[in-house]
């Protein structure tokens, strides 16, 4: 053949089964994302129509991130307070099924990926395995080990590291001695963790909006906990009533076991309120703070940014999981809620572990604007 090298008449065709698989997955993901972006177009149109109705204020909200975030934070607190005082049981049940998995995805995205912790070998090997054990019965003890791993992997002065490890040991002791009571208390406390995380994300920004939102949040929580809204709760047709197929006695036992009905009602409303604000922080406020551009992205661009951060396949699986939880809830509400909680138990301890690492390392702002622990957050 005069020394010519034989070539395939179809060089684009895969030569192996692995190549065929990769091409098939690539085509499927491309189709999935194209259809997902088309499905998001009506949301962009609705947002544009709403901003147009607001007139000059709508223009200011688009251009001024500080105003947008501040108004959004106050609106989230007020809306959560109103709903918690009227339909807390519905919020506690429906909220996790609709917003729970998206907010866990945001947890991982902003606390781990955007902060660079996924590139830290110490975090991967010392924190991630205990977090995985939480969902397999490890409970608070495994969560405390994750916190300890985050502290050990931090670059910090010996005194700060010792303080962090002492706190992790105390957490493990509570989990070992008083489980499941300690885990119920942590479930309530966890709902409040998002607020200090958001405050840290805002370091260097307008402190007035931060103060307004935090004061409103703490004030509303105090009003609920003090019993000032008890008459409102009692006159609302019964806060333990819901159109969902839920046993109110079982729910009361899971949120406030062994307490009087009045105390359980207050805790239910407080839990619903803090949980709603928690979701707002992760799904609305932190993304707006972290984004490089000061104006909101189109929803399709937000999807592309999520895919860039997490990867094409993980993002697609996460979105399919969100739809799957919602569909499961239609068929079996209690089973879906139990399944969601089991799958995502780790995320509260993830938030606590990252906060502990930040606390012992100190805080710094990356060039993207994301709050991250010290100069060693990726190391």
Protein backbone atom coordinates (compact mmCIF):
# COMPACT_ATOMS: atom_id res chain seq x y z
CA UNK A 1 0.00 0.00 0.00
CA UNK A 2 3.04 2.23 -0.60
CA UNK A 3 3.56 2.65 3.14
CA UNK A 4 0.15 4.28 3.65
CA UNK A 5 -1.43 3.79 7.05
CA UNK A 6 -4.93 2.31 6.94
CA UNK A 7 -7.55 4.52 8.58
CA UNK A 8 -11.14 3.92 9.48
CA UNK A 9 -13.66 5.25 6.93
CA UNK A 10 -15.67 6.43 9.95
CA UNK A 11 -13.11 7.96 12.34
CA UNK A 12 -15.85 9.53 14.48
CA UNK A 13 -17.30 6.16 15.40
CA UNK A 14 -16.34 4.81 18.84
CA UNK A 15 -13.79 2.04 18.75
CA UNK A 16 -14.76 0.49 22.08
CA UNK A 17 -17.86 -0.18 24.18
CA UNK A 18 -16.64 2.46 26.64
CA UNK A 19 -16.49 5.03 23.89
CA UNK A 20 -20.01 4.14 22.79
CA UNK A 21 -21.20 4.46 26.39
CA UNK A 22 -19.55 7.85 26.81
CA UNK A 23 -21.05 9.14 23.59
CA UNK A 24 -24.47 7.87 24.60
CA UNK A 25 -24.26 9.53 28.01
CA UNK A 26 -23.07 12.76 26.41
CA UNK A 27 -26.00 12.83 24.00
CA UNK A 28 -28.46 12.02 26.77
CA UNK A 29 -27.09 14.78 28.99
CA UNK A 30 -27.17 17.26 26.13
CA UNK A 31 -30.81 16.46 25.46
CA UNK A 32 -31.65 16.63 29.17
CA UNK A 33 -30.13 20.08 29.63
CA UNK A 34 -31.62 21.49 26.43
CA UNK A 35 -35.09 20.43 27.54
CA UNK A 36 -34.49 21.65 31.09
CA UNK A 37 -33.48 25.10 29.82
CA UNK A 38 -36.58 25.25 27.62
CA UNK A 39 -38.71 24.37 30.65
CA UNK A 40 -37.17 27.30 32.56
CA UNK A 41 -38.11 29.91 29.96
CA UNK A 42 -41.60 30.56 31.47
CA UNK A 43 -39.97 31.32 34.83
CA UNK A 44 -37.78 34.01 33.26
CA UNK A 45 -40.82 35.49 31.54
CA UNK A 46 -42.77 35.51 34.80
CA UNK A 47 -39.91 37.23 36.62
CA UNK A 48 -39.59 39.87 33.92
CA UNK A 49 -43.34 40.51 34.05
CA UNK A 50 -43.24 40.86 37.85
CA UNK A 51 -40.30 43.28 37.74
CA UNK A 52 -42.04 45.30 35.05
CA UNK A 53 -45.08 45.65 37.31
CA UNK A 54 -42.83 47.06 40.02
CA UNK A 55 -41.68 49.83 37.70
CA UNK A 56 -38.62 51.82 38.88
CA UNK A 57 -38.35 49.67 42.01
CA UNK A 58 -38.04 46.60 39.79
CA UNK A 59 -35.12 48.22 37.98
CA UNK A 60 -33.44 49.00 41.30
CA UNK A 61 -33.91 45.43 42.52
CA UNK A 62 -32.20 44.11 39.40
CA UNK A 63 -29.27 46.52 39.54
CA UNK A 64 -28.71 46.85 43.30
CA UNK A 65 -27.65 43.56 44.88
CA UNK A 66 -27.61 45.02 48.40
CA UNK A 67 -31.20 46.19 48.08
CA UNK A 68 -32.29 42.93 46.47
CA UNK A 69 -30.66 40.73 49.10
CA UNK A 70 -31.84 42.90 51.99
CA UNK A 71 -35.43 43.05 50.78
CA UNK A 72 -35.33 39.33 50.00
CA UNK A 73 -34.08 38.49 53.49
CA UNK A 74 -36.75 40.59 55.21
CA UNK A 75 -39.46 39.20 52.93
CA UNK A 76 -38.32 35.64 53.68
CA UNK A 77 -38.49 36.26 57.44
CA UNK A 78 -41.93 37.90 57.31
CA UNK A 79 -43.39 35.27 54.99
CA UNK A 80 -41.97 32.45 57.13
CA UNK A 81 -43.42 34.03 60.28
CA UNK A 82 -46.88 34.42 58.74
CA UNK A 83 -46.95 30.86 57.43
CA UNK A 84 -45.55 29.39 60.65
CA UNK A 85 -48.39 30.99 62.61
CA UNK A 86 -51.09 29.69 60.28
CA UNK A 87 -50.01 26.35 58.77
CA UNK A 88 -46.85 25.12 60.50
CA UNK A 89 -47.61 21.41 60.18
CA UNK A 90 -48.10 21.69 56.44
CA UNK A 91 -44.83 23.63 56.20
CA UNK A 92 -42.88 21.07 58.22
CA UNK A 93 -44.13 18.19 56.07
CA UNK A 94 -44.25 19.76 52.61
CA UNK A 95 -41.16 21.95 52.91
CA UNK A 96 -38.58 19.14 52.97
CA UNK A 97 -40.31 17.27 50.15
CA UNK A 98 -40.31 20.31 47.85
CA UNK A 99 -37.24 22.28 48.93
CA UNK A 100 -35.24 19.89 51.09
CA UNK A 101 -33.09 18.19 48.45
CA UNK A 102 -32.45 21.43 46.49
CA UNK A 103 -31.19 23.07 49.67
CA UNK A 104 -28.93 20.10 50.44
CA UNK A 105 -27.49 20.42 46.93
CA UNK A 106 -26.87 24.10 47.67
CA UNK A 107 -25.18 23.08 50.94
CA UNK A 108 -22.70 20.90 49.10
CA UNK A 109 -22.24 23.38 46.26
CA UNK A 110 -21.44 26.45 48.34
CA UNK A 111 -19.88 24.98 51.48
CA UNK A 112 -17.72 22.38 49.76
CA UNK A 113 -17.31 22.99 46.03
CA UNK A 114 -17.37 26.78 45.81
CA UNK A 115 -15.17 27.06 48.89
CA UNK A 116 -12.66 24.58 47.47
CA UNK A 117 -12.96 22.04 50.27
CA UNK A 118 -13.51 19.22 47.76
CA UNK A 119 -9.84 19.71 46.83
CA UNK A 120 -8.69 19.36 50.44
CA UNK A 121 -7.41 15.80 51.11
CA UNK A 122 -7.84 16.22 54.84
CA UNK A 123 -11.47 17.25 54.43
CA UNK A 124 -12.20 14.44 51.98
CA UNK A 125 -10.63 11.73 54.15
CA UNK A 126 -11.40 12.98 57.66
CA UNK A 127 -14.80 14.64 57.26
CA UNK A 128 -16.64 13.00 54.37
CA UNK A 129 -16.57 9.36 55.64
CA UNK A 130 -18.13 10.20 59.04
CA UNK A 131 -20.77 12.29 57.25
CA UNK A 132 -21.62 9.24 55.13
CA UNK A 133 -21.96 7.14 58.29
CA UNK A 134 -24.57 9.53 59.72
CA UNK A 135 -27.20 8.17 57.36
CA UNK A 136 -26.35 4.58 58.26
CA UNK A 137 -27.11 4.86 61.94
CA UNK A 138 -24.02 6.75 63.07
CA UNK A 139 -26.13 9.63 64.32
CA UNK A 140 -24.66 12.46 66.33
CA UNK A 141 -21.50 10.52 67.23
CA UNK A 142 -20.59 10.17 63.55
CA UNK A 143 -21.52 13.81 63.00
CA UNK A 144 -19.20 14.82 65.84
CA UNK A 145 -16.41 12.78 64.23
CA UNK A 146 -16.99 14.76 61.02
CA UNK A 147 -16.66 18.00 62.98
CA UNK A 148 -13.46 16.70 64.59
CA UNK A 149 -12.11 15.75 61.17
CA UNK A 150 -12.79 19.24 59.86
CA UNK A 151 -10.97 20.75 62.86
CA UNK A 152 -8.00 18.37 62.54
CA UNK A 153 -7.64 19.24 58.87
CA UNK A 154 -7.67 22.97 59.54
CA UNK A 155 -4.51 25.03 59.72
CA UNK A 156 -4.94 26.65 63.09
CA UNK A 157 -3.13 27.50 66.28
CA UNK A 158 -2.96 24.62 68.79
CA UNK A 159 -5.28 26.42 71.21
CA UNK A 160 -7.97 26.97 68.59
CA UNK A 161 -7.70 23.37 67.38
CA UNK A 162 -7.94 22.08 70.96
CA UNK A 163 -11.06 24.18 71.54
CA UNK A 164 -12.63 22.81 68.36
CA UNK A 165 -11.83 19.22 69.27
CA UNK A 166 -13.22 19.76 72.76
CA UNK A 167 -16.49 21.00 71.28
CA UNK A 168 -16.60 17.97 68.97
CA UNK A 169 -15.99 15.65 71.93
CA UNK A 170 -18.81 17.27 73.88
CA UNK A 171 -21.11 16.82 70.88
CA UNK A 172 -20.15 13.14 70.65
CA UNK A 173 -20.77 12.71 74.37
CA UNK A 174 -24.24 14.22 74.08
CA UNK A 175 -25.01 11.91 71.19
CA UNK A 176 -23.76 8.84 73.06
CA UNK A 177 -25.47 9.61 76.36
CA UNK A 178 -28.74 11.23 75.38
CA UNK A 179 -29.66 9.96 71.93
CA UNK A 180 -32.26 10.36 70.43
CA UNK A 181 -33.08 13.43 72.54
CA UNK A 182 -29.83 15.12 71.57
CA UNK A 183 -30.52 14.52 67.88
CA UNK A 184 -33.99 16.06 68.18
CA UNK A 185 -32.45 19.13 69.81
CA UNK A 186 -29.85 19.31 67.05
CA UNK A 187 -32.59 19.13 64.41
CA UNK A 188 -34.09 22.29 65.93
CA UNK A 189 -30.71 24.01 66.32
CA UNK A 190 -29.66 23.09 62.79
CA UNK A 191 -32.45 25.22 61.34
CA UNK A 192 -30.78 28.28 62.85
CA UNK A 193 -27.29 27.51 61.47
CA UNK A 194 -27.97 29.00 58.06
CA UNK A 195 -28.36 32.51 59.46
CA UNK A 196 -24.80 32.83 60.89
CA UNK A 197 -23.46 31.23 57.71
CA UNK A 198 -25.26 33.90 55.67
CA UNK A 199 -23.92 36.63 57.95
CA UNK A 200 -20.39 35.35 57.36
CA UNK A 201 -21.01 35.31 53.61
CA UNK A 202 -21.91 38.99 53.85
CA UNK A 203 -18.67 40.09 55.49
CA UNK A 204 -17.53 43.28 53.82
CA UNK A 205 -20.99 44.20 52.54
CA UNK A 206 -23.58 46.68 53.86
CA UNK A 207 -23.98 45.79 57.54
CA UNK A 208 -27.30 47.62 57.82
CA UNK A 209 -29.20 45.10 55.75
CA UNK A 210 -27.56 42.29 57.68
CA UNK A 211 -28.61 43.83 60.98
CA UNK A 212 -32.19 44.44 59.82
CA UNK A 213 -32.60 40.84 58.67
CA UNK A 214 -30.97 39.27 61.75
CA UNK A 215 -33.00 41.45 64.15
CA UNK A 216 -36.20 40.54 62.30
CA UNK A 217 -35.31 36.85 62.41
CA UNK A 218 -34.43 36.79 66.10
CA UNK A 219 -37.43 38.96 66.95
CA UNK A 220 -39.87 36.70 65.14
CA UNK A 221 -38.33 33.59 66.71
CA UNK A 222 -38.59 35.19 70.16
CA UNK A 223 -42.22 36.13 69.61
CA UNK A 224 -43.09 32.55 68.69
CA UNK A 225 -41.06 30.96 71.50
CA UNK A 226 -42.43 33.32 74.15
CA UNK A 227 -46.02 32.36 73.44
CA UNK A 228 -47.13 35.80 72.28
CA UNK A 229 -48.74 34.25 69.21
CA UNK A 230 -50.41 31.41 71.13
CA UNK A 231 -53.87 33.04 70.78
CA UNK A 232 -53.28 33.40 67.03
CA UNK A 233 -52.17 29.78 66.81
CA UNK A 234 -55.17 28.60 68.79
CA UNK A 235 -57.64 30.61 66.71
CA UNK A 236 -56.30 29.52 63.35
CA UNK A 237 -58.49 26.43 63.08
CA UNK A 238 -55.87 24.28 64.77
CA UNK A 239 -52.20 24.39 63.77
CA UNK A 240 -52.10 20.60 63.83
CA UNK A 241 -54.60 20.38 60.97
CA UNK A 242 -53.34 19.96 57.43
CA UNK A 243 -54.71 18.81 54.07
CA UNK A 244 -51.82 16.34 53.94
CA UNK A 245 -52.14 12.78 55.19
CA UNK A 246 -50.13 13.23 58.38
CA UNK A 247 -50.65 11.94 61.91
CA UNK A 248 -50.39 15.04 64.13
CA UNK A 249 -49.69 12.99 67.25
CA UNK A 250 -46.76 11.23 65.58
CA UNK A 251 -45.46 14.54 64.29
CA UNK A 252 -45.71 16.11 67.74
CA UNK A 253 -43.77 13.17 69.15
CA UNK A 254 -41.00 13.60 66.59
CA UNK A 255 -40.64 17.36 67.12
CA UNK A 256 -41.42 17.75 70.83
CA UNK A 257 -41.63 14.34 72.51
CA UNK A 258 -42.99 14.20 76.03
CA UNK A 259 -43.95 17.89 76.18
CA UNK A 260 -47.33 19.47 76.73
CA UNK A 261 -49.50 20.14 73.71
CA UNK A 262 -49.09 23.90 74.14
CA UNK A 263 -45.29 23.66 74.25
CA UNK A 264 -45.30 21.26 71.33
CA UNK A 265 -47.41 23.74 69.35
CA UNK A 266 -44.92 26.53 69.98
CA UNK A 267 -42.02 24.32 68.99
CA UNK A 268 -43.85 23.24 65.85
CA UNK A 269 -44.36 26.87 64.82
CA UNK A 270 -40.76 27.76 65.70
CA UNK A 271 -39.43 24.77 63.80
CA UNK A 272 -41.53 25.65 60.74
CA UNK A 273 -40.39 29.27 60.87
CA UNK A 274 -36.67 28.54 61.23
CA UNK A 275 -36.79 25.78 58.62
CA UNK A 276 -38.41 28.11 56.10
CA UNK A 277 -35.78 30.80 56.64
CA UNK A 278 -33.09 28.10 56.43
CA UNK A 279 -34.32 27.15 52.96
CA UNK A 280 -34.49 30.79 51.88
CA UNK A 281 -30.88 31.34 52.92
CA UNK A 282 -29.55 28.43 50.89
CA UNK A 283 -31.81 28.72 47.86
CA UNK A 284 -32.01 32.50 47.51
CA UNK A 285 -29.70 34.58 49.70
CA UNK A 286 -26.38 32.72 49.61
CA UNK A 287 -26.54 32.18 45.82
CA UNK A 288 -27.15 35.91 45.32
CA UNK A 289 -24.26 36.79 47.64
CA UNK A 290 -21.87 34.31 46.02
CA UNK A 291 -22.55 35.17 42.40
CA UNK A 292 -19.85 37.26 40.67
CA UNK A 293 -22.25 39.45 38.68
CA UNK A 294 -24.40 41.86 40.72
CA UNK A 295 -27.53 41.30 38.61
CA UNK A 296 -29.63 38.12 38.69
CA UNK A 297 -28.92 35.41 36.15
CA UNK A 298 -31.62 34.01 33.86
CA UNK A 299 -32.80 30.66 35.23
CA UNK A 300 -31.21 28.81 32.31
CA UNK A 301 -27.87 30.47 33.09
CA UNK A 302 -28.25 29.46 36.74
CA UNK A 303 -28.69 25.86 35.62
CA UNK A 304 -25.54 26.09 33.50
CA UNK A 305 -23.62 27.55 36.45
CA UNK A 306 -24.79 24.69 38.67
CA UNK A 307 -23.67 22.20 36.04
CA UNK A 308 -20.28 23.89 35.80
CA UNK A 309 -19.82 23.67 39.58
CA UNK A 310 -21.02 20.12 40.19
CA UNK A 311 -20.52 18.46 36.82
CA UNK A 312 -23.01 17.38 34.18
CA UNK A 313 -23.90 13.92 35.46
CA UNK A 314 -24.10 14.77 39.19
CA UNK A 315 -26.28 17.79 38.45
CA UNK A 316 -28.63 15.75 36.28
CA UNK A 317 -28.89 13.04 38.94
CA UNK A 318 -29.56 15.68 41.60
CA UNK A 319 -32.35 17.26 39.57
CA UNK A 320 -33.88 13.87 38.83
CA UNK A 321 -33.67 13.10 42.56
CA UNK A 322 -35.60 16.28 43.38
CA UNK A 323 -38.35 15.30 40.95
CA UNK A 324 -38.27 11.74 42.29
CA UNK A 325 -38.82 12.85 45.90
CA UNK A 326 -41.82 14.94 44.84
CA UNK A 327 -43.29 12.07 42.83
CA UNK A 328 -42.68 9.65 45.70
CA UNK A 329 -44.54 11.99 48.03
CA UNK A 330 -47.60 11.84 45.79
CA UNK A 331 -47.65 8.06 46.13
CA UNK A 332 -46.47 7.71 49.74
CA UNK A 333 -46.14 10.92 51.73
CA UNK A 334 -44.80 9.41 54.92
CA UNK A 335 -42.41 7.10 53.09
CA UNK A 336 -41.03 9.94 50.99
CA UNK A 337 -40.49 12.13 54.04
CA UNK A 338 -38.76 9.32 55.92
CA UNK A 339 -36.62 8.49 52.90
CA UNK A 340 -35.61 12.10 52.38
CA UNK A 341 -34.63 12.52 56.03
CA UNK A 342 -32.57 9.33 55.99
CA UNK A 343 -30.72 10.35 52.83
CA UNK A 344 -29.94 13.88 53.98
CA UNK A 345 -29.24 13.52 57.70
CA UNK A 346 -25.59 14.32 57.01
CA UNK A 347 -26.14 17.87 55.80
CA UNK A 348 -26.72 19.44 59.23
CA UNK A 349 -23.41 18.05 60.43
CA UNK A 350 -21.77 19.22 57.19
CA UNK A 351 -22.85 22.78 58.01
CA UNK A 352 -21.57 22.39 61.56
CA UNK A 353 -18.26 20.87 60.41
CA UNK A 354 -17.58 23.70 57.97
CA UNK A 355 -18.50 26.30 60.58
CA UNK A 356 -16.09 24.62 63.01
CA UNK A 357 -13.31 24.67 60.43
CA UNK A 358 -13.98 28.34 59.71
CA UNK A 359 -13.98 29.13 63.42
CA UNK A 360 -10.58 27.60 64.12
CA UNK A 361 -8.93 28.95 60.95
CA UNK A 362 -10.42 32.42 60.89
CA UNK A 363 -12.25 33.79 57.87
CA UNK A 364 -11.20 35.15 54.51
CA UNK A 365 -12.98 36.13 51.33
CA UNK A 366 -11.90 34.45 48.12
CA UNK A 367 -11.59 36.37 44.88
CA UNK A 368 -15.04 35.07 43.91
CA UNK A 369 -16.59 36.63 46.98
CA UNK A 370 -17.22 33.33 48.71
CA UNK A 371 -16.49 33.14 52.41
CA UNK A 372 -13.91 30.46 52.99
CA UNK A 373 -11.81 29.46 55.99
CA UNK A 374 -8.42 31.10 56.06
CA UNK A 375 -5.64 30.70 53.52
CA UNK A 376 -5.74 26.92 53.87
CA UNK A 377 -9.30 26.26 52.81
CA UNK A 378 -8.25 24.34 49.72
CA UNK A 379 -5.28 22.61 51.28
